[in-house]
Amino acid sequence: KRFPDNVCDVVYQRRQFSWTNSMKNDVPEDKKAFDVAMRIAHTVLNYPVVDLTQGALYYHNTSVKPYWSIDYTWVDQIEDHIFYRRD
């Protein structure tokens, strides 16, 4: 109940993703990468997948150490992203 219930509202909620705060338009610059992302999103939203993050709702890039991360339980690191959940 604390989060939006559709993809667009999650992506565009305040301060969710840095690129949504600074973007000048939402036209993809790399069509090939966008097409790959769309295929992945379609699969994840329409077919059963294994949740590698074990239900994590919070994450950040390894290049930063956000103040809030100490209040959450570390779940996993996938490439350069660290995932957390609140227990």
C-alpha atoms as a PDB file:
ATOM      1  CA  LYS A   1       0.000   0.000   0.000  1.00  0.00           C
ATOM      2  CA  ARG A   2       2.999   2.310   0.434  1.00  0.00           C
ATOM      3  CA  PHE A   3       3.979   2.144  -3.230  1.00  0.00           C
ATOM      4  CA  PRO A   4       2.269   2.871  -6.557  1.00  0.00           C
ATOM      5  CA  ASP A   5       0.629  -0.103  -8.249  1.00  0.00           C
ATOM      6  CA  ASN A   6       1.823   0.347 -11.819  1.00  0.00           C
ATOM      7  CA  VAL A   7       5.180   0.620 -13.536  1.00  0.00           C
ATOM      8  CA  CYS A   8       4.893   4.202 -14.796  1.00  0.00           C
ATOM      9  CA  ASP A   9       3.863   5.581 -11.407  1.00  0.00           C
ATOM     10  CA  VAL A  10       6.776   3.769  -9.744  1.00  0.00           C
ATOM     11  CA  VAL A  11       9.329   5.011 -12.261  1.00  0.00           C
ATOM     12  CA  TYR A  12       8.132   8.604 -12.195  1.00  0.00           C
ATOM     13  CA  GLN A  13       7.489   8.957  -8.476  1.00  0.00           C
ATOM     14  CA  ARG A  14       9.499  11.720  -6.857  1.00  0.00           C
ATOM     15  CA  ARG A  15      13.205  10.921  -6.479  1.00  0.00           C
ATOM     16  CA  GLN A  16      12.838   7.290  -7.554  1.00  0.00           C
ATOM     17  CA  PHE A  17      15.338   7.441 -10.415  1.00  0.00           C
ATOM     18  CA  SER A  18      17.833  10.214 -10.994  1.00  0.00           C
ATOM     19  CA  TRP A  19      17.266  10.278 -14.753  1.00  0.00           C
ATOM     20  CA  THR A  20      13.562  11.092 -14.315  1.00  0.00           C
ATOM     21  CA  ASN A  21      14.529  14.214 -12.355  1.00  0.00           C
ATOM     22  CA  SER A  22      17.014  15.498 -14.907  1.00  0.00           C
ATOM     23  CA  MET A  23      15.766  14.285 -18.275  1.00  0.00           C
ATOM     24  CA  LYS A  24      14.795  16.800 -20.901  1.00  0.00           C
ATOM     25  CA  ASN A  25      12.692  14.301 -22.842  1.00  0.00           C
ATOM     26  CA  ASP A  26      11.845  10.635 -22.626  1.00  0.00           C
ATOM     27  CA  VAL A  27      12.818   9.651 -26.171  1.00  0.00           C
ATOM     28  CA  PRO A  28      15.422   6.858 -25.958  1.00  0.00           C
ATOM     29  CA  GLU A  29      18.791   7.738 -27.458  1.00  0.00           C
ATOM     30  CA  ASP A  30      19.850   4.113 -27.971  1.00  0.00           C
ATOM     31  CA  LYS A  31      17.057   2.328 -29.855  1.00  0.00           C
ATOM     32  CA  LYS A  32      18.755  -1.066 -29.664  1.00  0.00           C
ATOM     33  CA  ALA A  33      19.193  -0.865 -25.865  1.00  0.00           C
ATOM     34  CA  PHE A  34      15.611   0.381 -25.506  1.00  0.00           C
ATOM     35  CA  ASP A  35      14.294  -2.584 -27.503  1.00  0.00           C
ATOM     36  CA  VAL A  36      16.233  -5.010 -25.296  1.00  0.00           C
ATOM     37  CA  ALA A  37      14.886  -3.303 -22.159  1.00  0.00           C
ATOM     38  CA  MET A  38      11.330  -3.515 -23.499  1.00  0.00           C
ATOM     39  CA  ARG A  39      11.682  -7.254 -24.191  1.00  0.00           C
ATOM     40  CA  ILE A  40      13.038  -7.836 -20.679  1.00  0.00           C
ATOM     41  CA  ALA A  41      10.239  -5.773 -19.117  1.00  0.00           C
ATOM     42  CA  HIS A  42       7.612  -7.679 -21.096  1.00  0.00           C
ATOM     43  CA  THR A  43       9.012 -11.010 -19.930  1.00  0.00           C
ATOM     44  CA  VAL A  44       9.244  -9.986 -16.275  1.00  0.00           C
ATOM     45  CA  LEU A  45       5.727  -8.558 -16.233  1.00  0.00           C
ATOM     46  CA  ASN A  46       4.071 -11.439 -18.084  1.00  0.00           C
ATOM     47  CA  TYR A  47       5.870 -14.641 -17.104  1.00  0.00           C
ATOM     48  CA  PRO A  48       6.983 -16.213 -13.828  1.00  0.00           C
ATOM     49  CA  VAL A  49      10.571 -15.302 -12.982  1.00  0.00           C
ATOM     50  CA  VAL A  50      12.892 -16.028 -10.065  1.00  0.00           C
ATOM     51  CA  ASP A  51      13.215 -13.012  -7.771  1.00  0.00           C
ATOM     52  CA  LEU A  52      16.988 -12.769  -7.413  1.00  0.00           C
ATOM     53  CA  THR A  53      16.542  -9.933  -4.913  1.00  0.00           C
ATOM     54  CA  GLN A  54      14.447 -12.035  -2.511  1.00  0.00           C
ATOM     55  CA  GLY A  55      11.727  -9.407  -2.279  1.00  0.00           C
ATOM     56  CA  ALA A  56      14.021  -6.420  -1.933  1.00  0.00           C
ATOM     57  CA  LEU A  57      12.263  -3.102  -2.476  1.00  0.00           C
ATOM     58  CA  TYR A  58      15.267  -0.815  -2.144  1.00  0.00           C
ATOM     59  CA  TYR A  59      18.544  -0.599  -4.005  1.00  0.00           C
ATOM     60  CA  HIS A  60      21.387   1.666  -4.979  1.00  0.00           C
ATOM     61  CA  ASN A  61      24.442   1.691  -7.178  1.00  0.00           C
ATOM     62  CA  THR A  62      27.730   0.632  -5.580  1.00  0.00           C
ATOM     63  CA  SER A  63      29.197   4.036  -6.420  1.00  0.00           C
ATOM     64  CA  VAL A  64      27.119   5.642  -3.653  1.00  0.00           C
ATOM     65  CA  LYS A  65      26.415   4.956   0.015  1.00  0.00           C
ATOM     66  CA  PRO A  66      22.992   6.425   0.801  1.00  0.00           C
ATOM     67  CA  TYR A  67      22.239   7.390   4.392  1.00  0.00           C
ATOM     68  CA  TRP A  68      19.159   5.161   4.481  1.00  0.00           C
ATOM     69  CA  SER A  69      21.019   1.930   3.688  1.00  0.00           C
ATOM     70  CA  ILE A  70      22.044   1.400   7.331  1.00  0.00           C
ATOM     71  CA  ASP A  71      18.355   1.047   8.268  1.00  0.00           C
ATOM     72  CA  TYR A  72      17.711  -1.845   5.873  1.00  0.00           C
ATOM     73  CA  THR A  73      18.827  -5.465   5.594  1.00  0.00           C
ATOM     74  CA  TRP A  74      21.370  -6.187   2.850  1.00  0.00           C
ATOM     75  CA  VAL A  75      19.983  -8.900   0.549  1.00  0.00           C
ATOM     76  CA  ASP A  76      22.324  -9.252  -2.406  1.00  0.00           C
ATOM     77  CA  GLN A  77      24.583  -7.486  -4.852  1.00  0.00           C
ATOM     78  CA  ILE A  78      23.940  -7.974  -8.554  1.00  0.00           C
ATOM     79  CA  GLU A  79      26.710  -6.468 -10.641  1.00  0.00           C
ATOM     80  CA  ASP A  80      26.951  -2.849  -9.487  1.00  0.00           C
ATOM     81  CA  HIS A  81      23.660  -2.648  -7.561  1.00  0.00           C
ATOM     82  CA  ILE A  82      23.064  -3.516  -3.902  1.00  0.00           C
ATOM     83  CA  PHE A  83      19.573  -4.637  -2.844  1.00  0.00           C
ATOM     84  CA  TYR A  84      17.914  -4.265   0.560  1.00  0.00           C
ATOM     85  CA  ARG A  85      14.682  -5.064   2.319  1.00  0.00           C
ATOM     86  CA  ARG A  86      13.124  -3.799   5.514  1.00  0.00           C
ATOM     87  CA  ASP A  87      12.614  -6.610   8.009  1.00  0.00           C
END
